[in-house]
Amino acid sequence: MSGQNRSDIRAGLKVAVILKKDQRTGVKTEGVVKDILTNSSFHPHGIKVRLTDGQVGRVCDILE
């Protein structure tokens, strides 16, 4: 599942995100969703989330 639909993402879900600093390289960071930051129901680059460790990025893959 891609992370473009807000309805697919909820707190506690394990995801892979691309952080702002890694957008050029596409390096993925895994973590658990703490907060959903994107208000719209769809975003073409991925829904922006805050992970439990405080990092913010756009969801590229849902791992659970």
PDB file of N, CA and C in Angstrom:
ATOM      1  N   MET A   1       0.843  -1.190   0.000  1.00  0.00           N
ATOM      2  CA  MET A   1       0.000   0.000   0.000  1.00  0.00           C
ATOM      3  C   MET A   1       0.880   1.241   0.000  1.00  0.00           C
ATOM      4  N   SER A   2       0.515   2.201  -0.799  1.00  0.00           N
ATOM      5  CA  SER A   2       1.246   3.459  -0.800  1.00  0.00           C
ATOM      6  C   SER A   2       0.681   4.359   0.293  1.00  0.00           C
ATOM      7  N   GLY A   3       1.396   5.390   0.630  1.00  0.00           N
ATOM      8  CA  GLY A   3       0.961   6.276   1.699  1.00  0.00           C
ATOM      9  C   GLY A   3       0.300   7.543   1.206  1.00  0.00           C
ATOM     10  N   GLN A   4      -0.424   7.458   0.091  1.00  0.00           N
ATOM     11  CA  GLN A   4      -1.036   8.659  -0.486  1.00  0.00           C
ATOM     12  C   GLN A   4      -2.429   8.952   0.056  1.00  0.00           C
ATOM     13  N   ASN A   5      -3.111   7.949   0.611  1.00  0.00           N
ATOM     14  CA  ASN A   5      -4.457   8.139   1.144  1.00  0.00           C
ATOM     15  C   ASN A   5      -4.407   8.243   2.665  1.00  0.00           C
ATOM     16  N   ARG A   6      -4.970   9.317   3.187  1.00  0.00           N
ATOM     17  CA  ARG A   6      -4.966   9.552   4.635  1.00  0.00           C
ATOM     18  C   ARG A   6      -5.750   8.461   5.373  1.00  0.00           C
ATOM     19  N   SER A   7      -6.779   7.923   4.741  1.00  0.00           N
ATOM     20  CA  SER A   7      -7.619   6.909   5.389  1.00  0.00           C
ATOM     21  C   SER A   7      -6.865   5.604   5.655  1.00  0.00           C
ATOM     22  N   ASP A   8      -5.757   5.358   4.945  1.00  0.00           N
ATOM     23  CA  ASP A   8      -4.970   4.137   5.130  1.00  0.00           C
ATOM     24  C   ASP A   8      -4.004   4.231   6.309  1.00  0.00           C
ATOM     25  N   ILE A   9      -3.820   5.444   6.846  1.00  0.00           N
ATOM     26  CA  ILE A   9      -2.787   5.686   7.855  1.00  0.00           C
ATOM     27  C   ILE A   9      -3.441   6.022   9.189  1.00  0.00           C
ATOM     28  N   ARG A  10      -2.908   5.420  10.264  1.00  0.00           N
ATOM     29  CA  ARG A  10      -3.403   5.730  11.609  1.00  0.00           C
ATOM     30  C   ARG A  10      -2.227   5.661  12.581  1.00  0.00           C
ATOM     31  N   ALA A  11      -2.415   6.245  13.748  1.00  0.00           N
ATOM     32  CA  ALA A  11      -1.371   6.226  14.774  1.00  0.00           C
ATOM     33  C   ALA A  11      -1.074   4.786  15.179  1.00  0.00           C
ATOM     34  N   GLY A  12       0.203   4.481  15.385  1.00  0.00           N
ATOM     35  CA  GLY A  12       0.613   3.141  15.779  1.00  0.00           C
ATOM     36  C   GLY A  12       0.986   2.238  14.621  1.00  0.00           C
ATOM     37  N   LEU A  13       0.789   2.699  13.395  1.00  0.00           N
ATOM     38  CA  LEU A  13       1.086   1.900  12.211  1.00  0.00           C
ATOM     39  C   LEU A  13       2.577   2.008  11.875  1.00  0.00           C
ATOM     40  N   LYS A  14       3.202   0.881  11.506  1.00  0.00           N
ATOM     41  CA  LYS A  14       4.610   0.897  11.100  1.00  0.00           C
ATOM     42  C   LYS A  14       4.693   1.269   9.625  1.00  0.00           C
ATOM     43  N   VAL A  15       5.500   2.298   9.323  1.00  0.00           N
ATOM     44  CA  VAL A  15       5.583   2.816   7.962  1.00  0.00           C
ATOM     45  C   VAL A  15       7.041   3.110   7.594  1.00  0.00           C
ATOM     46  N   ALA A  16       7.259   3.314   6.301  1.00  0.00           N
ATOM     47  CA  ALA A  16       8.536   3.826   5.798  1.00  0.00           C
ATOM     48  C   ALA A  16       8.259   5.219   5.261  1.00  0.00           C
ATOM     49  N   VAL A  17       9.067   6.180   5.690  1.00  0.00           N
ATOM     50  CA  VAL A  17       8.888   7.566   5.240  1.00  0.00           C
ATOM     51  C   VAL A  17      10.154   8.057   4.566  1.00  0.00           C
ATOM     52  N   ILE A  18       9.989   9.107   3.770  1.00  0.00           N
ATOM     53  CA  ILE A  18      11.131   9.815   3.208  1.00  0.00           C
ATOM     54  C   ILE A  18      11.194  11.168   3.907  1.00  0.00           C
ATOM     55  N   LEU A  19      12.281  11.413   4.620  1.00  0.00           N
ATOM     56  CA  LEU A  19      12.467  12.668   5.328  1.00  0.00           C
ATOM     57  C   LEU A  19      12.809  13.775   4.337  1.00  0.00           C
ATOM     58  N   LYS A  20      12.579  15.028   4.741  1.00  0.00           N
ATOM     59  CA  LYS A  20      12.849  16.176   3.880  1.00  0.00           C
ATOM     60  C   LYS A  20      14.303  16.160   3.380  1.00  0.00           C
ATOM     61  N   LYS A  21      15.244  15.863   4.289  1.00  0.00           N
ATOM     62  CA  LYS A  21      16.666  15.869   3.902  1.00  0.00           C
ATOM     63  C   LYS A  21      17.020  14.744   2.931  1.00  0.00           C
ATOM     64  N   ASP A  22      16.159  13.714   2.846  1.00  0.00           N
ATOM     65  CA  ASP A  22      16.429  12.567   1.984  1.00  0.00           C
ATOM     66  C   ASP A  22      15.613  12.558   0.692  1.00  0.00           C
ATOM     67  N   GLN A  23      14.908  13.650   0.400  1.00  0.00           N
ATOM     68  CA  GLN A  23      14.046  13.665  -0.781  1.00  0.00           C
ATOM     69  C   GLN A  23      14.824  13.493  -2.084  1.00  0.00           C
ATOM     70  N   ARG A  24      16.030  14.033  -2.163  1.00  0.00           N
ATOM     71  CA  ARG A  24      16.825  13.897  -3.389  1.00  0.00           C
ATOM     72  C   ARG A  24      17.333  12.470  -3.584  1.00  0.00           C
ATOM     73  N   THR A  25      17.725  11.822  -2.490  1.00  0.00           N
ATOM     74  CA  THR A  25      18.310  10.481  -2.588  1.00  0.00           C
ATOM     75  C   THR A  25      17.257   9.378  -2.503  1.00  0.00           C
ATOM     76  N   GLY A  26      16.117   9.660  -1.874  1.00  0.00           N
ATOM     77  CA  GLY A  26      15.063   8.663  -1.740  1.00  0.00           C
ATOM     78  C   GLY A  26      15.308   7.651  -0.640  1.00  0.00           C
ATOM     79  N   VAL A  27      16.210   7.975   0.298  1.00  0.00           N
ATOM     80  CA  VAL A  27      16.494   7.080   1.416  1.00  0.00           C
ATOM     81  C   VAL A  27      15.268   6.996   2.314  1.00  0.00           C
ATOM     82  N   LYS A  28      14.869   5.762   2.648  1.00  0.00           N
ATOM     83  CA  LYS A  28      13.666   5.560   3.463  1.00  0.00           C
ATOM     84  C   LYS A  28      14.044   5.343   4.922  1.00  0.00           C
ATOM     85  N   THR A  29      13.199   5.849   5.805  1.00  0.00           N
ATOM     86  CA  THR A  29      13.373   5.688   7.247  1.00  0.00           C
ATOM     87  C   THR A  29      12.140   4.977   7.791  1.00  0.00           C
ATOM     88  N   GLU A  30      12.330   3.921   8.565  1.00  0.00           N
ATOM     89  CA  GLU A  30      11.196   3.189   9.134  1.00  0.00           C
ATOM     90  C   GLU A  30      10.879   3.712  10.520  1.00  0.00           C
ATOM     91  N   GLY A  31       9.592   3.680  10.857  1.00  0.00           N
ATOM     92  CA  GLY A  31       9.177   4.114  12.178  1.00  0.00           C
ATOM     93  C   GLY A  31       7.702   3.875  12.385  1.00  0.00           C
ATOM     94  N   VAL A  32       7.218   4.289  13.554  1.00  0.00           N
ATOM     95  CA  VAL A  32       5.820   4.124  13.932  1.00  0.00           C
ATOM     96  C   VAL A  32       5.161   5.496  13.960  1.00  0.00           C
ATOM     97  N   VAL A  33       3.972   5.606  13.356  1.00  0.00           N
ATOM     98  CA  VAL A  33       3.261   6.882  13.255  1.00  0.00           C
ATOM     99  C   VAL A  33       2.784   7.338  14.631  1.00  0.00           C
ATOM    100  N   LYS A  34       3.084   8.606  14.963  1.00  0.00           N
ATOM    101  CA  LYS A  34       2.578   9.213  16.190  1.00  0.00           C
ATOM    102  C   LYS A  34       1.442  10.175  15.848  1.00  0.00           C
ATOM    103  N   ASP A  35       1.677  11.072  14.870  1.00  0.00           N
ATOM    104  CA  ASP A  35       0.677  12.066  14.455  1.00  0.00           C
ATOM    105  C   ASP A  35       0.604  12.123  12.939  1.00  0.00           C
ATOM    106  N   ILE A  36      -0.600  12.397  12.423  1.00  0.00           N
ATOM    107  CA  ILE A  36      -0.782  12.651  10.985  1.00  0.00           C
ATOM    108  C   ILE A  36      -0.835  14.165  10.806  1.00  0.00           C
ATOM    109  N   LEU A  37       0.049  14.700   9.967  1.00  0.00           N
ATOM    110  CA  LEU A  37       0.167  16.144   9.818  1.00  0.00           C
ATOM    111  C   LEU A  37      -0.564  16.690   8.596  1.00  0.00           C
ATOM    112  N   THR A  38      -0.826  15.862   7.597  1.00  0.00           N
ATOM    113  CA  THR A  38      -1.534  16.302   6.396  1.00  0.00           C
ATOM    114  C   THR A  38      -3.041  16.288   6.660  1.00  0.00           C
ATOM    115  N   ASN A  39      -3.707  17.397   6.344  1.00  0.00           N
ATOM    116  CA  ASN A  39      -5.150  17.491   6.581  1.00  0.00           C
ATOM    117  C   ASN A  39      -5.983  16.942   5.424  1.00  0.00           C
ATOM    118  N   SER A  40      -5.463  17.019   4.198  1.00  0.00           N
ATOM    119  CA  SER A  40      -6.240  16.561   3.046  1.00  0.00           C
ATOM    120  C   SER A  40      -6.306  15.032   3.008  1.00  0.00           C
ATOM    121  N   SER A  41      -7.324  14.502   2.328  1.00  0.00           N
ATOM    122  CA  SER A  41      -7.526  13.054   2.291  1.00  0.00           C
ATOM    123  C   SER A  41      -6.556  12.349   1.342  1.00  0.00           C
ATOM    124  N   PHE A  42      -5.924  13.096   0.422  1.00  0.00           N
ATOM    125  CA  PHE A  42      -4.989  12.511  -0.556  1.00  0.00           C
ATOM    126  C   PHE A  42      -3.847  13.494  -0.796  1.00  0.00           C
ATOM    127  N   HIS A  43      -2.641  12.967  -0.926  1.00  0.00           N
ATOM    128  CA  HIS A  43      -1.499  13.794  -1.320  1.00  0.00           C
ATOM    129  C   HIS A  43      -0.620  12.967  -2.252  1.00  0.00           C
ATOM    130  N   PRO A  44      -0.298  13.490  -3.446  1.00  0.00           N
ATOM    131  CA  PRO A  44       0.443  12.701  -4.444  1.00  0.00           C
ATOM    132  C   PRO A  44       1.851  12.285  -4.010  1.00  0.00           C
ATOM    133  N   HIS A  45       2.463  13.037  -3.095  1.00  0.00           N
ATOM    134  CA  HIS A  45       3.819  12.700  -2.645  1.00  0.00           C
ATOM    135  C   HIS A  45       3.821  11.904  -1.350  1.00  0.00           C
ATOM    136  N   GLY A  46       2.648  11.637  -0.797  1.00  0.00           N
ATOM    137  CA  GLY A  46       2.553  10.880   0.451  1.00  0.00           C
ATOM    138  C   GLY A  46       2.052  11.757   1.585  1.00  0.00           C
ATOM    139  N   ILE A  47       1.341  11.142   2.508  1.00  0.00           N
ATOM    140  CA  ILE A  47       0.808  11.853   3.665  1.00  0.00           C
ATOM    141  C   ILE A  47       1.957  12.153   4.631  1.00  0.00           C
ATOM    142  N   LYS A  48       2.031  13.389   5.116  1.00  0.00           N
ATOM    143  CA  LYS A  48       3.094  13.778   6.038  1.00  0.00           C
ATOM    144  C   LYS A  48       2.718  13.348   7.449  1.00  0.00           C
ATOM    145  N   VAL A  49       3.664  12.679   8.118  1.00  0.00           N
ATOM    146  CA  VAL A  49       3.427  12.185   9.475  1.00  0.00           C
ATOM    147  C   VAL A  49       4.614  12.514  10.378  1.00  0.00           C
ATOM    148  N   ARG A  50       4.356  12.485  11.691  1.00  0.00           N
ATOM    149  CA  ARG A  50       5.418  12.577  12.688  1.00  0.00           C
ATOM    150  C   ARG A  50       5.558  11.187  13.288  1.00  0.00           C
ATOM    151  N   LEU A  51       6.791  10.685  13.337  1.00  0.00           N
ATOM    152  CA  LEU A  51       7.052   9.376  13.916  1.00  0.00           C
ATOM    153  C   LEU A  51       7.217   9.495  15.433  1.00  0.00           C
ATOM    154  N   THR A  52       7.189   8.366  16.123  1.00  0.00           N
ATOM    155  CA  THR A  52       7.296   8.368  17.583  1.00  0.00           C
ATOM    156  C   THR A  52       8.633   8.940  18.057  1.00  0.00           C
ATOM    157  N   ASP A  53       9.671   8.881  17.218  1.00  0.00           N
ATOM    158  CA  ASP A  53      10.976   9.445  17.597  1.00  0.00           C
ATOM    159  C   ASP A  53      11.099  10.928  17.254  1.00  0.00           C
ATOM    160  N   GLY A  54      10.011  11.527  16.717  1.00  0.00           N
ATOM    161  CA  GLY A  54       9.989  12.965  16.450  1.00  0.00           C
ATOM    162  C   GLY A  54      10.319  13.368  15.022  1.00  0.00           C
ATOM    163  N   GLN A  55      10.783  12.439  14.202  1.00  0.00           N
ATOM    164  CA  GLN A  55      11.114  12.761  12.818  1.00  0.00           C
ATOM    165  C   GLN A  55       9.831  12.957  12.001  1.00  0.00           C
ATOM    166  N   VAL A  56       9.897  13.868  11.023  1.00  0.00           N
ATOM    167  CA  VAL A  56       8.739  14.165  10.168  1.00  0.00           C
ATOM    168  C   VAL A  56       9.092  13.823   8.731  1.00  0.00           C
ATOM    169  N   GLY A  57       8.179  13.114   8.057  1.00  0.00           N
ATOM    170  CA  GLY A  57       8.403  12.758   6.664  1.00  0.00           C
ATOM    171  C   GLY A  57       7.116  12.341   5.987  1.00  0.00           C
ATOM    172  N   ARG A  58       7.221  12.076   4.688  1.00  0.00           N
ATOM    173  CA  ARG A  58       6.051  11.648   3.917  1.00  0.00           C
ATOM    174  C   ARG A  58       6.068  10.131   3.755  1.00  0.00           C
ATOM    175  N   VAL A  59       4.913   9.512   3.996  1.00  0.00           N
ATOM    176  CA  VAL A  59       4.802   8.050   3.944  1.00  0.00           C
ATOM    177  C   VAL A  59       4.951   7.574   2.505  1.00  0.00           C
ATOM    178  N   CYS A  60       5.882   6.630   2.279  1.00  0.00           N
ATOM    179  CA  CYS A  60       6.041   6.032   0.955  1.00  0.00           C
ATOM    180  C   CYS A  60       5.562   4.588   0.945  1.00  0.00           C
ATOM    181  N   ASP A  61       5.684   3.894   2.074  1.00  0.00           N
ATOM    182  CA  ASP A  61       5.224   2.506   2.183  1.00  0.00           C
ATOM    183  C   ASP A  61       4.605   2.255   3.550  1.00  0.00           C
ATOM    184  N   ILE A  62       3.527   1.459   3.560  1.00  0.00           N
ATOM    185  CA  ILE A  62       2.936   1.009   4.810  1.00  0.00           C
ATOM    186  C   ILE A  62       3.419  -0.416   5.031  1.00  0.00           C
ATOM    187  N   LEU A  63       4.092  -0.671   6.147  1.00  0.00           N
ATOM    188  CA  LEU A  63       4.757  -1.947   6.371  1.00  0.00           C
ATOM    189  C   LEU A  63       3.894  -2.960   7.107  1.00  0.00           C
ATOM    190  N   GLU A  64       2.845  -2.533   7.783  1.00  0.00           N
ATOM    191  CA  GLU A  64       1.963  -3.471   8.502  1.00  0.00           C
ATOM    192  C   GLU A  64       0.746  -3.799   7.681  1.00  0.00           C
TER     193      GLU A  64
END
